[in-house]
Amino acid sequence: MILPIYRRSTITYASLAQSSPPSYVSHRAPHNLQAKLRTLSLKIAFRELELPMGQDFQLVAPRAKLALPWRGNLGEILFDGSAARELVYLLAVPVPPQRPPEATLSAPAQTRNEFAAQRTAIDVVQDLRETTRLKRKANDQVFVDSPSCKQAKTKDGGDGTTTMGNPVTLSDLPSEVHRLIFAQLEDVVDAISLGATNWYFWTFGRERIYQYAMSFFGRWAGHNIVCVGEDVEPDDYPPGLFSAEEQDEFRQRMGPEGDPDDSWPNDFSDQPFTLHHFTHPSVSKMEEVSNLYGKFTMLRGELSLYRDAIKDASYSAIIGSDLWAAGNEKAYLPEDQQWILRNLTTRQLVRSEAIALKPEFIRGPFVRGLGFAEVLLTRICWSTSDYVGMVDTTRISRGVWAGHCFDITTRTRHEDEVKLDGERWDDVSDEVAQEMMGIWGSQDDPNWRENL
């Protein structure tokens, strides 16, 4: 708890926050670097003066019991862009590729040449396998027609003649069954390994790869989200987040216990339960936000351990082509479409072109400088204390969107949905843009637009 004496201090947080970066730091330096240096200077000053730097904030989806493991001073999180990409990943609803991108167009030239040569060799092998299969079928037919394979007449006097045909193999099953089999394989490596057995199965393996890639986007879309401060007091929740019955239940609970062997050793078992306790790993699952390119790089490495990619032409072609294309996030978050942030609770939307400082800063749902993530962080924070580690012009710790549900989607998809349900949406882009300009303009950087 922050003592009232700090409010009466002649050295206020606002005065320190207005201080400039060290003189040796050029104002042409990247804005996030200047923000980090200002934060470091403030931390040193506040430590020496024994003043509170400001509470830590952490993103949580309390109703879904999900949380991000990182936490930090709001001034750092907001101005250095450290949370921007993760927030977009969590909320952006991917666009399914209508036709998965041709891998040979995405891979380097050397890979394309190798892939073409390997595919020719594979086609030859497939032709040989097909010839062998037809020969086997002919031999089996001769075997079936032999007298020894004829069945005796049945007791009821009917003909009852049956033949012992080929046993049903995996390849003989309908394609719908094949797709179900691939869907049951929880490990994508298993699905890829089965798909790599032949080109027919690879059509299902390829589908599974793109489904796997899409699962990394939009995991928190539609969930109630709060960026909660550690100084939030018991029984202080954003309006509408929990029912009266749920809040009564929380009043009867105590905070989670600490674990000395865990990365969260703090023990809150002697304190009343608060919204911040949803960030504890014993209450919520810590969500990992993975970089798609890095994830697929690891996947290719893992696959190469199972089979010799050099000797196995089909496996090499898959690893060097389709996995390369499927690991490209632009296939699911296209930059040639307009994206919007939607508040699903209030049915309000924000357009990227209205908040971006320059049109060239827009890259699909990602916007450099002031983007969708920054919009959210200025509106979803919640704490009882107003010590937030920055100059606050909007009472940011009582966010007007705290606890609401969101997604980031394309303008086209949104308009198609509106045609179907007929619901009205309010465009609050201008209001949000003006609010953000006030927040960034109040910080100590007259050239903040150029430095972003």
Protein backbone atom coordinates (compact mmCIF):
# COMPACT_ATOMS: atom_id res chain seq x y z
CA MET A 1 0.00 0.00 0.00
CA ILE A 2 1.33 3.45 -0.92
CA LEU A 3 1.42 5.83 2.04
CA PRO A 4 -0.31 9.25 1.75
CA ILE A 5 2.96 10.99 2.70
CA TYR A 6 4.22 10.46 -0.82
CA ARG A 7 1.39 12.55 -2.20
CA ARG A 8 2.60 15.50 -0.11
CA SER A 9 6.21 15.20 -1.25
CA THR A 10 7.60 18.34 -2.86
CA ILE A 11 9.25 16.12 -5.47
CA THR A 12 6.36 14.65 -7.39
CA TYR A 13 6.32 11.89 -9.92
CA ALA A 14 5.06 14.29 -12.55
CA SER A 15 8.08 16.58 -12.10
CA LEU A 16 10.48 13.67 -12.39
CA ALA A 17 8.66 12.26 -15.37
CA GLN A 18 9.10 15.55 -17.20
CA SER A 19 12.88 15.28 -16.91
CA SER A 20 14.84 14.69 -20.09
CA PRO A 21 16.98 11.69 -21.00
CA PRO A 22 20.70 11.98 -20.31
CA SER A 23 22.38 14.63 -22.47
CA TYR A 24 24.47 12.05 -24.28
CA VAL A 25 21.32 10.49 -25.73
CA SER A 26 20.41 12.09 -29.03
CA HIS A 27 16.80 13.04 -29.56
CA ARG A 28 17.10 11.21 -32.83
CA ALA A 29 17.49 7.95 -30.95
CA PRO A 30 14.56 5.56 -31.25
CA HIS A 31 11.68 6.64 -29.05
CA ASN A 32 11.52 3.30 -27.26
CA LEU A 33 15.20 3.67 -26.31
CA GLN A 34 14.54 7.13 -24.89
CA ALA A 35 11.53 5.76 -23.02
CA LYS A 36 13.64 3.01 -21.48
CA LEU A 37 16.36 5.46 -20.46
CA ARG A 38 13.81 7.80 -18.88
CA THR A 39 12.33 4.87 -16.99
CA LEU A 40 15.77 3.80 -15.79
CA SER A 41 16.53 7.35 -14.62
CA LEU A 42 13.21 7.49 -12.80
CA LYS A 43 13.84 4.16 -11.10
CA ILE A 44 17.20 5.37 -9.80
CA ALA A 45 15.75 8.69 -8.63
CA PHE A 46 12.78 7.10 -6.93
CA ARG A 47 14.97 4.50 -5.23
CA GLU A 48 17.26 7.19 -3.79
CA LEU A 49 14.30 9.32 -2.67
CA GLU A 50 12.47 6.25 -1.37
CA LEU A 51 9.48 7.19 -3.48
CA PRO A 52 7.27 4.60 -5.20
CA MET A 53 8.08 4.15 -8.87
CA GLY A 54 4.57 2.98 -9.63
CA GLN A 55 2.81 -0.32 -9.49
CA ASP A 56 3.32 -3.20 -11.89
CA PHE A 57 0.56 -4.08 -14.32
CA GLN A 58 -0.17 -7.43 -15.92
CA LEU A 59 -2.53 -8.62 -18.64
CA VAL A 60 -5.15 -11.14 -17.61
CA ALA A 61 -8.34 -12.69 -18.96
CA PRO A 62 -9.92 -13.38 -15.55
CA ARG A 63 -13.07 -15.19 -16.62
CA ALA A 64 -11.06 -17.53 -18.84
CA LYS A 65 -8.36 -17.74 -16.14
CA LEU A 66 -5.55 -16.87 -18.53
CA ALA A 67 -2.67 -14.48 -17.92
CA LEU A 68 0.54 -13.35 -19.56
CA PRO A 69 3.65 -14.07 -17.48
CA TRP A 70 5.31 -10.69 -17.95
CA ARG A 71 4.54 -7.63 -15.86
CA GLY A 72 5.88 -4.11 -15.71
CA ASN A 73 5.45 -0.45 -14.99
CA LEU A 74 2.72 0.93 -17.23
CA GLY A 75 4.97 3.71 -18.49
CA GLU A 76 7.42 1.10 -19.77
CA ILE A 77 4.82 -1.22 -21.26
CA LEU A 78 2.97 1.54 -23.05
CA PHE A 79 5.81 3.59 -24.50
CA ASP A 80 8.50 1.05 -25.40
CA GLY A 81 6.16 -1.15 -27.45
CA SER A 82 7.12 -4.31 -25.57
CA ALA A 83 3.55 -5.60 -25.40
CA ALA A 84 2.28 -4.51 -28.81
CA ARG A 85 3.03 -7.58 -30.88
CA GLU A 86 1.82 -10.03 -28.24
CA LEU A 87 -1.50 -8.23 -27.84
CA VAL A 88 -2.11 -8.28 -31.59
CA TYR A 89 -1.25 -11.99 -31.71
CA LEU A 90 -3.74 -12.66 -28.90
CA LEU A 91 -6.63 -10.77 -30.49
CA ALA A 92 -6.14 -10.93 -34.28
CA VAL A 93 -8.55 -13.40 -35.87
CA PRO A 94 -6.56 -15.03 -38.70
CA VAL A 95 -7.77 -15.08 -42.28
CA PRO A 96 -7.79 -18.68 -43.54
CA PRO A 97 -5.75 -18.87 -46.74
CA GLN A 98 -8.27 -19.62 -49.50
CA ARG A 99 -5.54 -21.56 -51.21
CA PRO A 100 -2.42 -22.21 -49.13
CA PRO A 101 0.44 -20.21 -50.66
CA GLU A 102 2.54 -22.11 -53.15
CA ALA A 103 5.60 -23.06 -51.19
CA THR A 104 7.90 -22.84 -54.19
CA LEU A 105 7.14 -19.13 -54.47
CA SER A 106 7.96 -18.44 -50.82
CA ALA A 107 11.17 -20.39 -50.40
CA PRO A 108 14.59 -19.18 -51.57
CA ALA A 109 15.65 -19.90 -55.15
CA GLN A 110 17.99 -22.69 -54.08
CA THR A 111 15.19 -24.38 -52.16
CA ARG A 112 12.85 -24.02 -55.14
CA ASN A 113 15.34 -25.71 -57.45
CA GLU A 114 15.95 -28.51 -54.99
CA PHE A 115 12.23 -28.91 -54.49
CA ALA A 116 11.58 -29.18 -58.24
CA ALA A 117 14.26 -31.84 -58.65
CA GLN A 118 13.03 -33.75 -55.63
CA ARG A 119 9.46 -33.65 -56.84
CA THR A 120 10.48 -35.17 -60.19
CA ALA A 121 12.21 -37.99 -58.38
CA ILE A 122 9.22 -38.48 -56.11
CA ASP A 123 6.84 -38.65 -59.07
CA VAL A 124 8.95 -41.45 -60.55
CA VAL A 125 8.82 -43.32 -57.27
CA GLN A 126 5.06 -42.83 -57.06
CA ASP A 127 4.66 -44.21 -60.60
CA LEU A 128 6.66 -47.29 -59.65
CA ARG A 129 4.54 -47.76 -56.53
CA GLU A 130 1.34 -47.45 -58.57
CA THR A 131 2.59 -50.04 -61.07
CA THR A 132 3.44 -52.40 -58.22
CA ARG A 133 0.01 -51.87 -56.68
CA LEU A 134 -1.76 -52.74 -59.94
CA LYS A 135 0.31 -55.89 -60.31
CA ARG A 136 -0.58 -56.92 -56.77
CA LYS A 137 -4.25 -56.31 -57.48
CA ALA A 138 -4.10 -58.51 -60.57
CA ASN A 139 -2.35 -61.30 -58.66
CA ASP A 140 -4.87 -61.06 -55.85
CA GLN A 141 -7.73 -61.35 -58.33
CA VAL A 142 -6.24 -64.58 -59.71
CA PHE A 143 -5.95 -65.87 -56.15
CA VAL A 144 -9.55 -64.96 -55.34
CA ASP A 145 -10.90 -66.74 -58.43
CA SER A 146 -9.12 -69.99 -57.55
CA PRO A 147 -11.32 -72.91 -56.36
CA SER A 148 -9.64 -73.02 -52.98
CA CYS A 149 -11.01 -69.59 -52.20
CA LYS A 150 -14.62 -70.41 -53.04
CA GLN A 151 -16.84 -70.76 -50.03
CA ALA A 152 -19.17 -73.73 -49.58
CA LYS A 153 -22.90 -73.26 -49.98
CA THR A 154 -24.71 -72.15 -46.89
CA LYS A 155 -27.02 -74.42 -44.93
CA ASP A 156 -30.14 -72.62 -46.17
CA GLY A 157 -29.36 -73.77 -49.67
CA GLY A 158 -28.51 -70.35 -51.02
CA ASP A 159 -25.64 -69.79 -53.33
CA GLY A 160 -23.67 -68.04 -50.62
CA THR A 161 -20.59 -67.85 -52.79
CA THR A 162 -18.22 -65.25 -51.44
CA THR A 163 -14.68 -64.36 -52.20
CA MET A 164 -11.74 -63.50 -49.99
CA GLY A 165 -10.69 -60.15 -51.40
CA ASN A 166 -7.90 -57.84 -50.32
CA PRO A 167 -7.96 -56.73 -46.69
CA VAL A 168 -9.05 -53.11 -46.23
CA THR A 169 -6.02 -50.87 -45.86
CA LEU A 170 -5.70 -47.31 -44.62
CA SER A 171 -5.55 -46.05 -48.20
CA ASP A 172 -8.87 -47.74 -49.04
CA LEU A 173 -10.84 -45.71 -46.49
CA PRO A 174 -12.93 -42.72 -47.63
CA SER A 175 -11.29 -39.30 -47.59
CA GLU A 176 -13.68 -38.18 -44.83
CA VAL A 177 -12.24 -40.89 -42.59
CA HIS A 178 -8.70 -39.87 -43.49
CA ARG A 179 -9.45 -36.29 -42.47
CA LEU A 180 -10.86 -37.52 -39.14
CA ILE A 181 -7.74 -39.59 -38.54
CA PHE A 182 -5.53 -36.54 -39.03
CA ALA A 183 -7.79 -34.52 -36.74
CA GLN A 184 -7.27 -37.08 -33.96
CA LEU A 185 -3.49 -36.71 -34.07
CA GLU A 186 -2.80 -34.19 -31.31
CA ASP A 187 0.89 -33.81 -32.09
CA VAL A 188 1.42 -31.92 -35.34
CA VAL A 189 4.69 -33.82 -35.84
CA ASP A 190 2.69 -37.06 -36.00
CA ALA A 191 0.30 -35.52 -38.53
CA ILE A 192 3.19 -34.35 -40.69
CA SER A 193 4.91 -37.73 -40.48
CA LEU A 194 1.77 -39.53 -41.62
CA GLY A 195 1.17 -36.98 -44.35
CA ALA A 196 4.70 -37.41 -45.65
CA THR A 197 4.08 -41.06 -46.56
CA ASN A 198 2.57 -40.11 -49.93
CA TRP A 199 1.25 -37.12 -51.84
CA TYR A 200 -2.39 -38.06 -51.27
CA PHE A 201 -2.00 -38.07 -47.49
CA TRP A 202 0.00 -34.89 -47.69
CA THR A 203 -3.15 -33.01 -48.75
CA PHE A 204 -4.50 -33.71 -45.25
CA GLY A 205 -1.15 -33.15 -43.57
CA ARG A 206 -0.89 -29.79 -45.29
CA GLU A 207 -4.35 -28.78 -44.05
CA ARG A 208 -3.31 -29.72 -40.54
CA ILE A 209 -0.17 -27.58 -40.74
CA TYR A 210 -2.18 -24.48 -41.64
CA GLN A 211 -4.71 -25.21 -38.89
CA TYR A 212 -1.81 -25.54 -36.47
CA ALA A 213 -0.40 -22.19 -37.60
CA MET A 214 -3.76 -20.44 -37.26
CA SER A 215 -4.11 -21.70 -33.69
CA PHE A 216 -1.40 -19.24 -32.60
CA PHE A 217 -3.60 -16.23 -33.43
CA GLY A 218 -6.66 -14.82 -31.71
CA ARG A 219 -6.47 -16.95 -28.57
CA TRP A 220 -7.94 -14.18 -26.43
CA ALA A 221 -10.42 -12.90 -28.99
CA GLY A 222 -13.83 -12.71 -27.32
CA HIS A 223 -12.44 -12.99 -23.78
CA ASN A 224 -12.84 -10.34 -21.06
CA ILE A 225 -9.45 -8.63 -20.71
CA VAL A 226 -7.95 -6.43 -18.00
CA CYS A 227 -4.48 -4.98 -17.51
CA VAL A 228 -4.60 -5.12 -13.73
CA GLY A 229 -2.39 -3.22 -11.31
CA GLU A 230 -0.92 -4.88 -8.26
CA ASP A 231 -2.33 -2.16 -5.97
CA VAL A 232 -5.95 -3.00 -6.71
CA GLU A 233 -7.94 -3.42 -3.52
CA PRO A 234 -10.40 -6.18 -2.57
CA ASP A 235 -13.90 -5.87 -4.00
CA ASP A 236 -12.70 -3.47 -6.71
CA TYR A 237 -13.68 -4.88 -10.11
CA PRO A 238 -14.49 -3.28 -13.47
CA PRO A 239 -18.25 -2.81 -13.93
CA GLY A 240 -19.96 -5.85 -15.41
CA LEU A 241 -16.94 -8.15 -15.27
CA PHE A 242 -18.37 -10.36 -12.52
CA SER A 243 -21.88 -10.94 -11.26
CA ALA A 244 -22.95 -9.99 -7.74
CA GLU A 245 -22.90 -13.67 -6.77
CA GLU A 246 -19.34 -14.08 -8.02
CA GLN A 247 -18.18 -11.02 -6.12
CA ASP A 248 -19.80 -12.40 -2.96
CA GLU A 249 -17.79 -15.58 -3.48
CA PHE A 250 -14.56 -13.61 -3.89
CA ARG A 251 -15.21 -11.84 -0.58
CA GLN A 252 -15.08 -15.21 1.15
CA ARG A 253 -11.75 -16.17 -0.45
CA MET A 254 -8.19 -15.46 0.51
CA GLY A 255 -5.30 -14.87 -1.87
CA PRO A 256 -3.24 -17.72 -3.36
CA GLU A 257 -0.37 -19.32 -1.50
CA GLY A 258 3.21 -18.77 -2.61
CA ASP A 259 5.63 -21.46 -3.70
CA PRO A 260 9.30 -20.89 -2.73
CA ASP A 261 10.40 -23.26 -5.48
CA ASP A 262 8.35 -21.45 -8.10
CA SER A 263 9.01 -18.22 -9.97
CA TRP A 264 6.12 -16.69 -7.99
CA PRO A 265 7.25 -17.00 -4.35
CA ASN A 266 4.98 -14.27 -2.97
CA ASP A 267 2.39 -15.60 -0.55
CA PHE A 268 -1.02 -13.88 -0.50
CA SER A 269 -2.85 -16.42 1.63
CA ASP A 270 -3.20 -13.94 4.50
CA GLN A 271 -4.79 -11.28 2.26
CA PRO A 272 -8.33 -10.95 0.89
CA PHE A 273 -8.72 -12.06 -2.71
CA THR A 274 -8.36 -9.32 -5.35
CA LEU A 275 -8.51 -9.01 -9.11
CA HIS A 276 -4.71 -9.02 -9.21
CA HIS A 277 -4.62 -12.54 -7.80
CA PHE A 278 -5.91 -13.77 -11.16
CA THR A 279 -2.35 -13.19 -12.39
CA HIS A 280 -1.03 -15.89 -10.04
CA PRO A 281 -0.14 -19.22 -11.74
CA SER A 282 -2.17 -21.17 -9.20
CA VAL A 283 -5.28 -19.25 -10.30
CA SER A 284 -4.72 -18.68 -14.03
CA LYS A 285 -2.83 -20.47 -16.76
CA MET A 286 0.24 -18.58 -17.94
CA GLU A 287 -0.23 -18.09 -21.67
CA GLU A 288 2.72 -18.40 -24.01
CA VAL A 289 2.61 -16.08 -27.01
CA SER A 290 4.81 -17.70 -29.64
CA ASN A 291 6.43 -16.15 -32.66
CA LEU A 292 5.12 -18.12 -35.63
CA TYR A 293 8.37 -18.03 -37.59
CA GLY A 294 10.36 -19.20 -34.58
CA LYS A 295 7.83 -21.93 -33.83
CA PHE A 296 8.04 -23.32 -37.35
CA THR A 297 11.83 -23.09 -37.35
CA MET A 298 11.82 -25.30 -34.26
CA LEU A 299 9.27 -27.59 -35.90
CA ARG A 300 11.47 -28.09 -38.96
CA GLY A 301 14.40 -28.87 -36.69
CA GLU A 302 12.35 -31.38 -34.71
CA LEU A 303 11.15 -33.10 -37.87
CA SER A 304 14.68 -33.40 -39.24
CA LEU A 305 15.59 -35.52 -36.21
CA TYR A 306 13.11 -38.22 -37.15
CA ARG A 307 14.05 -38.81 -40.78
CA ASP A 308 17.03 -38.16 -42.97
CA ALA A 309 15.92 -35.11 -44.92
CA ILE A 310 18.75 -35.54 -47.43
CA LYS A 311 18.04 -39.16 -48.35
CA ASP A 312 14.26 -38.93 -48.00
CA ALA A 313 13.23 -36.76 -50.94
CA SER A 314 9.56 -36.42 -49.97
CA TYR A 315 10.37 -35.38 -46.43
CA SER A 316 12.98 -32.91 -47.61
CA ALA A 317 10.52 -31.35 -50.03
CA ILE A 318 7.92 -30.91 -47.32
CA ILE A 319 10.30 -29.42 -44.77
CA GLY A 320 11.81 -27.06 -47.33
CA SER A 321 8.58 -25.90 -48.94
CA ASP A 322 5.20 -26.25 -47.28
CA LEU A 323 6.51 -25.68 -43.77
CA TRP A 324 8.35 -22.63 -45.05
CA ALA A 325 5.12 -21.17 -46.44
CA ALA A 326 2.93 -22.14 -43.49
CA GLY A 327 5.26 -20.39 -41.06
CA ASN A 328 4.75 -17.00 -42.72
CA GLU A 329 2.36 -14.93 -40.58
CA LYS A 330 1.45 -12.73 -43.56
CA ALA A 331 -0.50 -15.68 -44.95
CA TYR A 332 -2.99 -15.29 -42.08
CA LEU A 333 -2.66 -11.58 -41.29
CA PRO A 334 -2.59 -10.12 -44.81
CA GLU A 335 -1.18 -6.63 -45.15
CA ASP A 336 -3.30 -5.79 -48.20
CA GLN A 337 -6.51 -5.72 -46.16
CA GLN A 338 -7.82 -3.08 -43.75
CA TRP A 339 -7.96 -4.18 -40.12
CA ILE A 340 -10.04 -2.86 -37.25
CA LEU A 341 -10.09 -3.26 -33.47
CA ARG A 342 -13.55 -4.13 -32.15
CA ASN A 343 -14.92 -3.80 -28.64
CA LEU A 344 -17.39 -6.68 -28.71
CA THR A 345 -18.97 -5.59 -25.42
CA THR A 346 -19.92 -2.05 -26.44
CA ARG A 347 -20.01 -2.69 -30.21
CA GLN A 348 -17.47 0.03 -30.95
CA LEU A 349 -14.65 -0.09 -33.47
CA VAL A 350 -11.34 1.65 -34.15
CA ARG A 351 -9.81 1.89 -37.64
CA SER A 352 -6.06 1.51 -38.08
CA GLU A 353 -5.81 4.37 -40.58
CA ALA A 354 -7.40 6.75 -38.06
CA ILE A 355 -4.83 6.14 -35.31
CA ALA A 356 -1.66 5.51 -37.34
CA LEU A 357 0.74 8.45 -37.42
CA LYS A 358 1.61 7.66 -41.03
CA PRO A 359 -0.07 5.35 -43.57
CA GLU A 360 3.21 3.54 -44.17
CA PHE A 361 3.29 2.53 -40.50
CA ILE A 362 0.37 0.14 -41.09
CA ARG A 363 1.28 -3.50 -41.75
CA GLY A 364 -1.98 -5.39 -41.61
CA PRO A 365 -3.09 -5.51 -37.95
CA PHE A 366 0.34 -4.30 -36.82
CA VAL A 367 0.78 -0.53 -36.61
CA ARG A 368 4.12 1.00 -35.73
CA GLY A 369 4.12 3.55 -32.92
CA LEU A 370 0.45 4.06 -32.08
CA GLY A 371 -1.53 0.96 -32.90
CA PHE A 372 -4.27 -1.30 -31.64
CA ALA A 373 -2.19 -2.53 -28.69
CA GLU A 374 -1.58 1.02 -27.49
CA VAL A 375 -5.30 1.80 -27.82
CA LEU A 376 -6.13 -1.15 -25.61
CA LEU A 377 -3.51 -0.41 -22.97
CA THR A 378 -4.81 3.13 -22.56
CA ARG A 379 -8.36 1.83 -21.96
CA ILE A 380 -8.26 -1.56 -20.21
CA CYS A 381 -6.09 -0.85 -17.14
CA TRP A 382 -7.65 -1.24 -13.71
CA SER A 383 -6.33 -0.43 -10.26
CA THR A 384 -7.44 1.34 -7.10
CA SER A 385 -4.20 3.34 -7.02
CA ASP A 386 -3.41 6.00 -9.62
CA TYR A 387 0.37 5.54 -9.41
CA VAL A 388 1.01 4.26 -12.92
CA GLY A 389 4.61 5.22 -13.72
CA MET A 390 3.75 7.95 -16.23
CA VAL A 391 2.11 11.34 -16.55
CA ASP A 392 -1.59 10.47 -16.50
CA THR A 393 -4.01 12.78 -18.28
CA THR A 394 -6.96 10.39 -18.56
CA ARG A 395 -7.13 8.51 -15.24
CA ILE A 396 -5.77 5.55 -17.10
CA SER A 397 -5.95 3.23 -14.08
CA ARG A 398 -9.77 3.25 -14.32
CA GLY A 399 -10.00 2.21 -17.95
CA VAL A 400 -13.36 2.71 -19.64
CA TRP A 401 -12.91 -0.60 -21.50
CA ALA A 402 -11.48 -2.64 -18.62
CA GLY A 403 -13.02 -6.12 -18.53
CA HIS A 404 -14.54 -5.88 -22.01
CA CYS A 405 -14.21 -8.39 -24.87
CA PHE A 406 -12.27 -7.59 -28.05
CA ASP A 407 -11.02 -8.88 -31.34
CA ILE A 408 -8.97 -7.55 -34.26
CA THR A 409 -10.43 -8.47 -37.60
CA THR A 410 -10.55 -7.35 -41.22
CA ARG A 411 -12.91 -4.63 -42.37
CA THR A 412 -14.30 -6.98 -45.01
CA ARG A 413 -15.13 -9.70 -42.50
CA HIS A 414 -16.75 -7.14 -40.19
CA GLU A 415 -18.95 -5.75 -42.97
CA ASP A 416 -20.03 -9.26 -43.96
CA GLU A 417 -21.06 -9.95 -40.35
CA VAL A 418 -23.01 -6.69 -40.15
CA LYS A 419 -24.94 -7.63 -43.29
CA LEU A 420 -25.97 -10.89 -41.64
CA ASP A 421 -26.91 -9.70 -38.14
CA GLY A 422 -27.87 -6.09 -38.90
CA GLU A 423 -26.33 -4.86 -35.65
CA ARG A 424 -25.18 -1.24 -35.37
CA TRP A 425 -21.55 -0.41 -34.54
CA ASP A 426 -20.14 2.95 -33.45
CA ASP A 427 -16.89 4.17 -34.96
CA VAL A 428 -14.94 5.79 -32.10
CA SER A 429 -11.67 6.11 -34.01
CA ASP A 430 -11.46 9.91 -33.83
CA GLU A 431 -12.23 10.00 -30.12
CA VAL A 432 -9.61 7.35 -29.37
CA ALA A 433 -7.00 9.01 -31.60
CA GLN A 434 -7.45 12.36 -29.84
CA GLU A 435 -7.15 10.68 -26.45
CA MET A 436 -3.93 8.94 -27.44
CA MET A 437 -2.43 12.15 -28.80
CA GLY A 438 -3.04 13.75 -25.42
CA ILE A 439 -1.36 10.91 -23.54
CA TRP A 440 1.74 10.76 -25.75
CA GLY A 441 1.95 14.54 -26.01
CA SER A 442 2.00 14.93 -22.23
CA GLN A 443 5.19 12.88 -21.89
CA ASP A 444 8.64 14.45 -22.05
CA ASP A 445 9.43 14.28 -25.74
CA PRO A 446 8.41 17.19 -27.98
CA ASN A 447 9.54 15.17 -31.00
CA TRP A 448 7.70 12.00 -30.07
CA ARG A 449 5.95 11.74 -33.45
CA GLU A 450 9.26 11.66 -35.32
CA ASN A 451 10.89 9.31 -32.81
CA LEU A 452 8.25 6.61 -32.96
